[in-house]
Amino acid sequence: MKAELLLRERHALTTAAFVELVVWRLPQPAPGSAHDFKYRLALVVYGTCVLRYDNESGKGDHKHIDDRETTYRFRGLAALQDDFWADVEAWEAKA
């Protein structure tokens, strides 16, 4: 089985900001992850990524908010998107 692209979307939030969502189903978990998804969900503002959820190979599930990186507990694709959009809203509220 090859990797299967499940989601690839880009949404403009303003003229200066957009989100990009990319999710793949893998034939086996990526190193550091206990599930068979590879993902990158990002908020980019004025060309700078200010929020990103991803599971980079070897690092496992984590998120970046500005310059901080923290562990993320993956609970499924629906929860991943809910958590990401909640952080997007929180970031917009403080901006």
PDB file of N, CA and C in Angstrom:
ATOM      1  N   MET A   1       0.851  -1.191   0.000  1.00  0.00           N
ATOM      2  CA  MET A   1       0.000   0.000   0.000  1.00  0.00           C
ATOM      3  C   MET A   1       0.888   1.242   0.000  1.00  0.00           C
ATOM      4  N   LYS A   2       0.568   2.175  -0.853  1.00  0.00           N
ATOM      5  CA  LYS A   2       1.266   3.454  -0.893  1.00  0.00           C
ATOM      6  C   LYS A   2       0.578   4.427   0.045  1.00  0.00           C
ATOM      7  N   ALA A   3       1.256   5.514   0.356  1.00  0.00           N
ATOM      8  CA  ALA A   3       0.629   6.584   1.129  1.00  0.00           C
ATOM      9  C   ALA A   3      -0.542   7.141   0.325  1.00  0.00           C
ATOM     10  N   GLU A   4      -1.611   7.469   1.026  1.00  0.00           N
ATOM     11  CA  GLU A   4      -2.824   7.985   0.381  1.00  0.00           C
ATOM     12  C   GLU A   4      -3.115   9.398   0.892  1.00  0.00           C
ATOM     13  N   LEU A   5      -3.179  10.350  -0.020  1.00  0.00           N
ATOM     14  CA  LEU A   5      -3.518  11.717   0.348  1.00  0.00           C
ATOM     15  C   LEU A   5      -4.991  11.784   0.728  1.00  0.00           C
ATOM     16  N   LEU A   6      -5.275  12.195   1.961  1.00  0.00           N
ATOM     17  CA  LEU A   6      -6.654  12.296   2.436  1.00  0.00           C
ATOM     18  C   LEU A   6      -7.182  13.727   2.392  1.00  0.00           C
ATOM     19  N   LEU A   7      -6.286  14.688   2.570  1.00  0.00           N
ATOM     20  CA  LEU A   7      -6.729  16.084   2.646  1.00  0.00           C
ATOM     21  C   LEU A   7      -5.598  16.994   2.208  1.00  0.00           C
ATOM     22  N   ARG A   8      -5.908  17.925   1.329  1.00  0.00           N
ATOM     23  CA  ARG A   8      -4.981  19.002   0.964  1.00  0.00           C
ATOM     24  C   ARG A   8      -5.841  20.212   0.658  1.00  0.00           C
ATOM     25  N   GLU A   9      -5.836  21.158   1.588  1.00  0.00           N
ATOM     26  CA  GLU A   9      -6.653  22.363   1.441  1.00  0.00           C
ATOM     27  C   GLU A   9      -5.850  23.582   1.859  1.00  0.00           C
ATOM     28  N   ARG A  10      -6.180  24.689   1.224  1.00  0.00           N
ATOM     29  CA  ARG A  10      -5.628  25.981   1.630  1.00  0.00           C
ATOM     30  C   ARG A  10      -6.801  26.944   1.697  1.00  0.00           C
ATOM     31  N   HIS A  11      -6.896  27.657   2.820  1.00  0.00           N
ATOM     32  CA  HIS A  11      -7.985  28.603   3.042  1.00  0.00           C
ATOM     33  C   HIS A  11      -7.410  29.967   3.392  1.00  0.00           C
ATOM     34  N   ALA A  12      -7.774  30.985   2.621  1.00  0.00           N
ATOM     35  CA  ALA A  12      -7.377  32.350   2.949  1.00  0.00           C
ATOM     36  C   ALA A  12      -8.250  32.841   4.099  1.00  0.00           C
ATOM     37  N   LEU A  13      -7.610  33.365   5.124  1.00  0.00           N
ATOM     38  CA  LEU A  13      -8.347  33.941   6.253  1.00  0.00           C
ATOM     39  C   LEU A  13      -8.476  35.453   6.097  1.00  0.00           C
ATOM     40  N   THR A  14      -7.398  36.052   5.624  1.00  0.00           N
ATOM     41  CA  THR A  14      -7.359  37.485   5.316  1.00  0.00           C
ATOM     42  C   THR A  14      -6.430  37.631   4.115  1.00  0.00           C
ATOM     43  N   THR A  15      -6.173  38.850   3.696  1.00  0.00           N
ATOM     44  CA  THR A  15      -5.229  39.048   2.596  1.00  0.00           C
ATOM     45  C   THR A  15      -3.806  38.700   3.031  1.00  0.00           C
ATOM     46  N   ALA A  16      -3.551  38.670   4.346  1.00  0.00           N
ATOM     47  CA  ALA A  16      -2.210  38.402   4.860  1.00  0.00           C
ATOM     48  C   ALA A  16      -2.055  37.023   5.486  1.00  0.00           C
ATOM     49  N   ALA A  17      -3.149  36.286   5.677  1.00  0.00           N
ATOM     50  CA  ALA A  17      -3.072  35.020   6.417  1.00  0.00           C
ATOM     51  C   ALA A  17      -3.840  33.904   5.713  1.00  0.00           C
ATOM     52  N   PHE A  18      -3.280  32.693   5.802  1.00  0.00           N
ATOM     53  CA  PHE A  18      -3.976  31.523   5.287  1.00  0.00           C
ATOM     54  C   PHE A  18      -3.640  30.316   6.153  1.00  0.00           C
ATOM     55  N   VAL A  19      -4.476  29.290   6.064  1.00  0.00           N
ATOM     56  CA  VAL A  19      -4.173  28.009   6.688  1.00  0.00           C
ATOM     57  C   VAL A  19      -4.001  26.984   5.581  1.00  0.00           C
ATOM     58  N   GLU A  20      -3.125  26.031   5.837  1.00  0.00           N
ATOM     59  CA  GLU A  20      -2.922  24.922   4.916  1.00  0.00           C
ATOM     60  C   GLU A  20      -3.032  23.630   5.724  1.00  0.00           C
ATOM     61  N   LEU A  21      -3.836  22.698   5.219  1.00  0.00           N
ATOM     62  CA  LEU A  21      -4.084  21.428   5.890  1.00  0.00           C
ATOM     63  C   LEU A  21      -3.701  20.299   4.941  1.00  0.00           C
ATOM     64  N   VAL A  22      -2.790  19.428   5.372  1.00  0.00           N
ATOM     65  CA  VAL A  22      -2.353  18.295   4.562  1.00  0.00           C
ATOM     66  C   VAL A  22      -2.328  17.064   5.464  1.00  0.00           C
ATOM     67  N   VAL A  23      -3.035  16.007   5.041  1.00  0.00           N
ATOM     68  CA  VAL A  23      -3.078  14.757   5.802  1.00  0.00           C
ATOM     69  C   VAL A  23      -2.920  13.589   4.844  1.00  0.00           C
ATOM     70  N   TRP A  24      -2.040  12.670   5.187  1.00  0.00           N
ATOM     71  CA  TRP A  24      -1.806  11.439   4.431  1.00  0.00           C
ATOM     72  C   TRP A  24      -2.096  10.243   5.325  1.00  0.00           C
ATOM     73  N   ARG A  25      -2.588   9.172   4.765  1.00  0.00           N
ATOM     74  CA  ARG A  25      -2.649   7.880   5.461  1.00  0.00           C
ATOM     75  C   ARG A  25      -1.444   7.079   4.974  1.00  0.00           C
ATOM     76  N   LEU A  26      -0.649   6.601   5.915  1.00  0.00           N
ATOM     77  CA  LEU A  26       0.561   5.850   5.600  1.00  0.00           C
ATOM     78  C   LEU A  26       0.310   4.348   5.717  1.00  0.00           C
ATOM     79  N   PRO A  27       1.113   3.540   5.043  1.00  0.00           N
ATOM     80  CA  PRO A  27       0.959   2.096   5.178  1.00  0.00           C
ATOM     81  C   PRO A  27       1.350   1.596   6.571  1.00  0.00           C
ATOM     82  N   GLN A  28       2.148   2.393   7.285  1.00  0.00           N
ATOM     83  CA  GLN A  28       2.532   2.071   8.663  1.00  0.00           C
ATOM     84  C   GLN A  28       2.848   3.384   9.366  1.00  0.00           C
ATOM     85  N   PRO A  29       2.806   3.401  10.696  1.00  0.00           N
ATOM     86  CA  PRO A  29       3.078   4.648  11.408  1.00  0.00           C
ATOM     87  C   PRO A  29       4.455   5.227  11.085  1.00  0.00           C
ATOM     88  N   ALA A  30       4.525   6.541  11.030  1.00  0.00           N
ATOM     89  CA  ALA A  30       5.805   7.226  10.864  1.00  0.00           C
ATOM     90  C   ALA A  30       6.596   7.060  12.167  1.00  0.00           C
ATOM     91  N   PRO A  31       7.919   7.014  12.099  1.00  0.00           N
ATOM     92  CA  PRO A  31       8.717   6.900  13.318  1.00  0.00           C
ATOM     93  C   PRO A  31       8.344   7.994  14.322  1.00  0.00           C
ATOM     94  N   GLY A  32       8.062   7.585  15.549  1.00  0.00           N
ATOM     95  CA  GLY A  32       7.682   8.525  16.599  1.00  0.00           C
ATOM     96  C   GLY A  32       6.185   8.660  16.786  1.00  0.00           C
ATOM     97  N   SER A  33       5.383   8.102  15.888  1.00  0.00           N
ATOM     98  CA  SER A  33       3.919   8.191  15.986  1.00  0.00           C
ATOM     99  C   SER A  33       3.327   6.795  16.155  1.00  0.00           C
ATOM    100  N   ALA A  34       2.184   6.724  16.850  1.00  0.00           N
ATOM    101  CA  ALA A  34       1.519   5.440  17.092  1.00  0.00           C
ATOM    102  C   ALA A  34       0.331   5.228  16.156  1.00  0.00           C
ATOM    103  N   HIS A  35       0.147   6.104  15.177  1.00  0.00           N
ATOM    104  CA  HIS A  35      -0.980   6.028  14.244  1.00  0.00           C
ATOM    105  C   HIS A  35      -0.449   6.073  12.817  1.00  0.00           C
ATOM    106  N   ASP A  36      -1.316   5.785  11.858  1.00  0.00           N
ATOM    107  CA  ASP A  36      -0.858   5.705  10.460  1.00  0.00           C
ATOM    108  C   ASP A  36      -1.167   6.960   9.639  1.00  0.00           C
ATOM    109  N   PHE A  37      -1.124   8.120  10.277  1.00  0.00           N
ATOM    110  CA  PHE A  37      -1.346   9.384   9.571  1.00  0.00           C
ATOM    111  C   PHE A  37      -0.079  10.227   9.609  1.00  0.00           C
ATOM    112  N   LYS A  38       0.151  10.958   8.544  1.00  0.00           N
ATOM    113  CA  LYS A  38       1.201  11.969   8.459  1.00  0.00           C
ATOM    114  C   LYS A  38       0.482  13.270   8.172  1.00  0.00           C
ATOM    115  N   TYR A  39       0.733  14.304   8.970  1.00  0.00           N
ATOM    116  CA  TYR A  39      -0.042  15.530   8.801  1.00  0.00           C
ATOM    117  C   TYR A  39       0.801  16.778   9.020  1.00  0.00           C
ATOM    118  N   ARG A  40       0.291  17.856   8.449  1.00  0.00           N
ATOM    119  CA  ARG A  40       0.841  19.198   8.631  1.00  0.00           C
ATOM    120  C   ARG A  40      -0.320  20.166   8.514  1.00  0.00           C
ATOM    121  N   LEU A  41      -0.628  20.858   9.588  1.00  0.00           N
ATOM    122  CA  LEU A  41      -1.676  21.878   9.592  1.00  0.00           C
ATOM    123  C   LEU A  41      -0.997  23.171  10.017  1.00  0.00           C
ATOM    124  N   ALA A  42      -1.062  24.188   9.193  1.00  0.00           N
ATOM    125  CA  ALA A  42      -0.283  25.393   9.451  1.00  0.00           C
ATOM    126  C   ALA A  42      -1.100  26.657   9.252  1.00  0.00           C
ATOM    127  N   LEU A  43      -0.795  27.650  10.083  1.00  0.00           N
ATOM    128  CA  LEU A  43      -1.310  29.008   9.935  1.00  0.00           C
ATOM    129  C   LEU A  43      -0.126  29.877   9.553  1.00  0.00           C
ATOM    130  N   VAL A  44      -0.221  30.537   8.405  1.00  0.00           N
ATOM    131  CA  VAL A  44       0.848  31.388   7.893  1.00  0.00           C
ATOM    132  C   VAL A  44       0.332  32.815   7.802  1.00  0.00           C
ATOM    133  N   VAL A  45       1.089  33.746   8.395  1.00  0.00           N
ATOM    134  CA  VAL A  45       0.710  35.153   8.415  1.00  0.00           C
ATOM    135  C   VAL A  45       1.884  35.972   7.887  1.00  0.00           C
ATOM    136  N   TYR A  46       1.629  36.785   6.867  1.00  0.00           N
ATOM    137  CA  TYR A  46       2.679  37.586   6.226  1.00  0.00           C
ATOM    138  C   TYR A  46       3.889  36.720   5.879  1.00  0.00           C
ATOM    139  N   GLY A  47       3.647  35.509   5.396  1.00  0.00           N
ATOM    140  CA  GLY A  47       4.721  34.639   4.953  1.00  0.00           C
ATOM    141  C   GLY A  47       5.461  33.878   6.045  1.00  0.00           C
ATOM    142  N   THR A  48       5.050  34.051   7.303  1.00  0.00           N
ATOM    143  CA  THR A  48       5.691  33.365   8.420  1.00  0.00           C
ATOM    144  C   THR A  48       4.724  32.379   9.045  1.00  0.00           C
ATOM    145  N   CYS A  49       5.187  31.158   9.264  1.00  0.00           N
ATOM    146  CA  CYS A  49       4.360  30.149   9.917  1.00  0.00           C
ATOM    147  C   CYS A  49       4.329  30.466  11.415  1.00  0.00           C
ATOM    148  N   VAL A  50       3.142  30.804  11.919  1.00  0.00           N
ATOM    149  CA  VAL A  50       3.008  31.175  13.331  1.00  0.00           C
ATOM    150  C   VAL A  50       2.370  30.065  14.168  1.00  0.00           C
ATOM    151  N   LEU A  51       1.793  29.062  13.502  1.00  0.00           N
ATOM    152  CA  LEU A  51       1.172  27.928  14.190  1.00  0.00           C
ATOM    153  C   LEU A  51       1.263  26.724  13.267  1.00  0.00           C
ATOM    154  N   ARG A  52       1.751  25.598  13.812  1.00  0.00           N
ATOM    155  CA  ARG A  52       1.824  24.389  12.984  1.00  0.00           C
ATOM    156  C   ARG A  52       1.685  23.155  13.862  1.00  0.00           C
ATOM    157  N   TYR A  53       0.830  22.253  13.431  1.00  0.00           N
ATOM    158  CA  TYR A  53       0.712  20.924  14.021  1.00  0.00           C
ATOM    159  C   TYR A  53       1.323  19.964  13.007  1.00  0.00           C
ATOM    160  N   ASP A  54       2.221  19.083  13.457  1.00  0.00           N
ATOM    161  CA  ASP A  54       2.776  18.102  12.535  1.00  0.00           C
ATOM    162  C   ASP A  54       3.344  16.923  13.308  1.00  0.00           C
ATOM    163  N   ASN A  55       3.670  15.886  12.575  1.00  0.00           N
ATOM    164  CA  ASN A  55       4.322  14.719  13.177  1.00  0.00           C
ATOM    165  C   ASN A  55       5.537  14.347  12.339  1.00  0.00           C
ATOM    166  N   GLU A  56       6.478  15.233  12.380  1.00  0.00           N
ATOM    167  CA  GLU A  56       7.755  15.081  11.689  1.00  0.00           C
ATOM    168  C   GLU A  56       8.378  13.732  12.066  1.00  0.00           C
ATOM    169  N   SER A  57       8.913  13.047  11.099  1.00  0.00           N
ATOM    170  CA  SER A  57       9.495  11.728  11.318  1.00  0.00           C
ATOM    171  C   SER A  57      10.537  11.767  12.432  1.00  0.00           C
ATOM    172  N   GLY A  58      10.366  10.891  13.413  1.00  0.00           N
ATOM    173  CA  GLY A  58      11.290  10.812  14.537  1.00  0.00           C
ATOM    174  C   GLY A  58      10.922  11.693  15.712  1.00  0.00           C
ATOM    175  N   LYS A  59      10.135  12.744  15.483  1.00  0.00           N
ATOM    176  CA  LYS A  59       9.740  13.649  16.566  1.00  0.00           C
ATOM    177  C   LYS A  59       8.360  13.319  17.109  1.00  0.00           C
ATOM    178  N   GLY A  60       7.552  12.632  16.333  1.00  0.00           N
ATOM    179  CA  GLY A  60       6.196  12.322  16.768  1.00  0.00           C
ATOM    180  C   GLY A  60       5.280  13.533  16.701  1.00  0.00           C
ATOM    181  N   ASP A  61       4.125  13.409  17.326  1.00  0.00           N
ATOM    182  CA  ASP A  61       3.090  14.447  17.277  1.00  0.00           C
ATOM    183  C   ASP A  61       3.493  15.641  18.142  1.00  0.00           C
ATOM    184  N   HIS A  62       3.439  16.819  17.555  1.00  0.00           N
ATOM    185  CA  HIS A  62       3.767  18.033  18.297  1.00  0.00           C
ATOM    186  C   HIS A  62       3.171  19.241  17.578  1.00  0.00           C
ATOM    187  N   LYS A  63       3.247  20.384  18.255  1.00  0.00           N
ATOM    188  CA  LYS A  63       2.778  21.622  17.629  1.00  0.00           C
ATOM    189  C   LYS A  63       3.757  22.742  17.931  1.00  0.00           C
ATOM    190  N   HIS A  64       3.757  23.704  17.041  1.00  0.00           N
ATOM    191  CA  HIS A  64       4.592  24.898  17.166  1.00  0.00           C
ATOM    192  C   HIS A  64       3.649  26.089  17.266  1.00  0.00           C
ATOM    193  N   ILE A  65       3.849  26.908  18.265  1.00  0.00           N
ATOM    194  CA  ILE A  65       3.131  28.184  18.370  1.00  0.00           C
ATOM    195  C   ILE A  65       4.197  29.255  18.476  1.00  0.00           C
ATOM    196  N   ASP A  66       4.273  30.085  17.451  1.00  0.00           N
ATOM    197  CA  ASP A  66       5.362  31.047  17.314  1.00  0.00           C
ATOM    198  C   ASP A  66       6.678  30.276  17.417  1.00  0.00           C
ATOM    199  N   ASP A  67       7.518  30.575  18.386  1.00  0.00           N
ATOM    200  CA  ASP A  67       8.822  29.910  18.501  1.00  0.00           C
ATOM    201  C   ASP A  67       8.822  28.746  19.490  1.00  0.00           C
ATOM    202  N   ARG A  68       7.670  28.418  20.071  1.00  0.00           N
ATOM    203  CA  ARG A  68       7.594  27.338  21.058  1.00  0.00           C
ATOM    204  C   ARG A  68       7.126  26.042  20.405  1.00  0.00           C
ATOM    205  N   GLU A  69       7.725  24.935  20.837  1.00  0.00           N
ATOM    206  CA  GLU A  69       7.304  23.613  20.375  1.00  0.00           C
ATOM    207  C   GLU A  69       6.868  22.799  21.586  1.00  0.00           C
ATOM    208  N   THR A  70       5.682  22.184  21.493  1.00  0.00           N
ATOM    209  CA  THR A  70       5.175  21.351  22.582  1.00  0.00           C
ATOM    210  C   THR A  70       4.641  20.044  22.017  1.00  0.00           C
ATOM    211  N   THR A  71       4.610  19.034  22.868  1.00  0.00           N
ATOM    212  CA  THR A  71       4.060  17.739  22.490  1.00  0.00           C
ATOM    213  C   THR A  71       2.558  17.883  22.263  1.00  0.00           C
ATOM    214  N   TYR A  72       2.045  17.135  21.303  1.00  0.00           N
ATOM    215  CA  TYR A  72       0.603  17.108  21.037  1.00  0.00           C
ATOM    216  C   TYR A  72       0.119  15.678  21.184  1.00  0.00           C
ATOM    217  N   ARG A  73      -0.987  15.482  21.898  1.00  0.00           N
ATOM    218  CA  ARG A  73      -1.571  14.150  22.060  1.00  0.00           C
ATOM    219  C   ARG A  73      -2.589  13.917  20.957  1.00  0.00           C
ATOM    220  N   PHE A  74      -2.227  13.114  19.964  1.00  0.00           N
ATOM    221  CA  PHE A  74      -3.094  12.805  18.829  1.00  0.00           C
ATOM    222  C   PHE A  74      -4.237  11.905  19.290  1.00  0.00           C
ATOM    223  N   ARG A  75      -5.486  12.329  19.011  1.00  0.00           N
ATOM    224  CA  ARG A  75      -6.677  11.578  19.416  1.00  0.00           C
ATOM    225  C   ARG A  75      -7.598  11.298  18.229  1.00  0.00           C
ATOM    226  N   GLY A  76      -7.069  11.394  17.024  1.00  0.00           N
ATOM    227  CA  GLY A  76      -7.855  11.174  15.823  1.00  0.00           C
ATOM    228  C   GLY A  76      -7.883  12.422  14.957  1.00  0.00           C
ATOM    229  N   LEU A  77      -8.295  12.230  13.688  1.00  0.00           N
ATOM    230  CA  LEU A  77      -8.275  13.344  12.735  1.00  0.00           C
ATOM    231  C   LEU A  77      -9.272  14.442  13.072  1.00  0.00           C
ATOM    232  N   ALA A  78     -10.451  14.082  13.557  1.00  0.00           N
ATOM    233  CA  ALA A  78     -11.452  15.100  13.897  1.00  0.00           C
ATOM    234  C   ALA A  78     -10.946  15.969  15.053  1.00  0.00           C
ATOM    235  N   ALA A  79     -10.399  15.337  16.084  1.00  0.00           N
ATOM    236  CA  ALA A  79      -9.872  16.088  17.230  1.00  0.00           C
ATOM    237  C   ALA A  79      -8.679  16.944  16.806  1.00  0.00           C
ATOM    238  N   LEU A  80      -7.837  16.419  15.918  1.00  0.00           N
ATOM    239  CA  LEU A  80      -6.691  17.182  15.411  1.00  0.00           C
ATOM    240  C   LEU A  80      -7.165  18.486  14.774  1.00  0.00           C
ATOM    241  N   GLN A  81      -8.149  18.392  13.895  1.00  0.00           N
ATOM    242  CA  GLN A  81      -8.653  19.596  13.232  1.00  0.00           C
ATOM    243  C   GLN A  81      -9.352  20.526  14.223  1.00  0.00           C
ATOM    244  N   ASP A  82     -10.116  19.976  15.153  1.00  0.00           N
ATOM    245  CA  ASP A  82     -10.773  20.811  16.175  1.00  0.00           C
ATOM    246  C   ASP A  82      -9.736  21.571  16.994  1.00  0.00           C
ATOM    247  N   ASP A  83      -8.695  20.876  17.432  1.00  0.00           N
ATOM    248  CA  ASP A  83      -7.643  21.516  18.242  1.00  0.00           C
ATOM    249  C   ASP A  83      -6.910  22.587  17.444  1.00  0.00           C
ATOM    250  N   PHE A  84      -6.607  22.285  16.188  1.00  0.00           N
ATOM    251  CA  PHE A  84      -5.915  23.249  15.343  1.00  0.00           C
ATOM    252  C   PHE A  84      -6.754  24.517  15.159  1.00  0.00           C
ATOM    253  N   TRP A  85      -8.031  24.348  14.788  1.00  0.00           N
ATOM    254  CA  TRP A  85      -8.882  25.524  14.564  1.00  0.00           C
ATOM    255  C   TRP A  85      -9.092  26.312  15.855  1.00  0.00           C
ATOM    256  N   ALA A  86      -9.136  25.652  17.002  1.00  0.00           N
ATOM    257  CA  ALA A  86      -9.244  26.371  18.284  1.00  0.00           C
ATOM    258  C   ALA A  86      -7.992  27.216  18.514  1.00  0.00           C
ATOM    259  N   ASP A  87      -6.808  26.674  18.182  1.00  0.00           N
ATOM    260  CA  ASP A  87      -5.581  27.454  18.318  1.00  0.00           C
ATOM    261  C   ASP A  87      -5.508  28.585  17.296  1.00  0.00           C
ATOM    262  N   VAL A  88      -6.054  28.372  16.093  1.00  0.00           N
ATOM    263  CA  VAL A  88      -6.115  29.458  15.108  1.00  0.00           C
ATOM    264  C   VAL A  88      -6.971  30.594  15.667  1.00  0.00           C
ATOM    265  N   GLU A  89      -8.143  30.261  16.207  1.00  0.00           N
ATOM    266  CA  GLU A  89      -9.020  31.283  16.782  1.00  0.00           C
ATOM    267  C   GLU A  89      -8.340  32.000  17.944  1.00  0.00           C
ATOM    268  N   ALA A  90      -7.651  31.267  18.807  1.00  0.00           N
ATOM    269  CA  ALA A  90      -6.940  31.885  19.932  1.00  0.00           C
ATOM    270  C   ALA A  90      -5.837  32.807  19.433  1.00  0.00           C
ATOM    271  N   TRP A  91      -5.124  32.387  18.390  1.00  0.00           N
ATOM    272  CA  TRP A  91      -4.054  33.218  17.845  1.00  0.00           C
ATOM    273  C   TRP A  91      -4.641  34.496  17.255  1.00  0.00           C
ATOM    274  N   GLU A  92      -5.747  34.376  16.522  1.00  0.00           N
ATOM    275  CA  GLU A  92      -6.397  35.552  15.920  1.00  0.00           C
ATOM    276  C   GLU A  92      -6.883  36.512  17.005  1.00  0.00           C
ATOM    277  N   ALA A  93      -7.389  35.980  18.116  1.00  0.00           N
ATOM    278  CA  ALA A  93      -7.909  36.823  19.195  1.00  0.00           C
ATOM    279  C   ALA A  93      -6.795  37.652  19.845  1.00  0.00           C
ATOM    280  N   LYS A  94      -5.588  37.110  19.897  1.00  0.00           N
ATOM    281  CA  LYS A  94      -4.474  37.845  20.533  1.00  0.00           C
ATOM    282  C   LYS A  94      -3.746  38.741  19.544  1.00  0.00           C
ATOM    283  N   ALA A  95      -3.947  38.524  18.252  1.00  0.00           N
ATOM    284  CA  ALA A  95      -3.222  39.304  17.234  1.00  0.00           C
ATOM    285  C   ALA A  95      -3.765  40.699  17.090  1.00  0.00           C
TER     286      ALA A  95
END
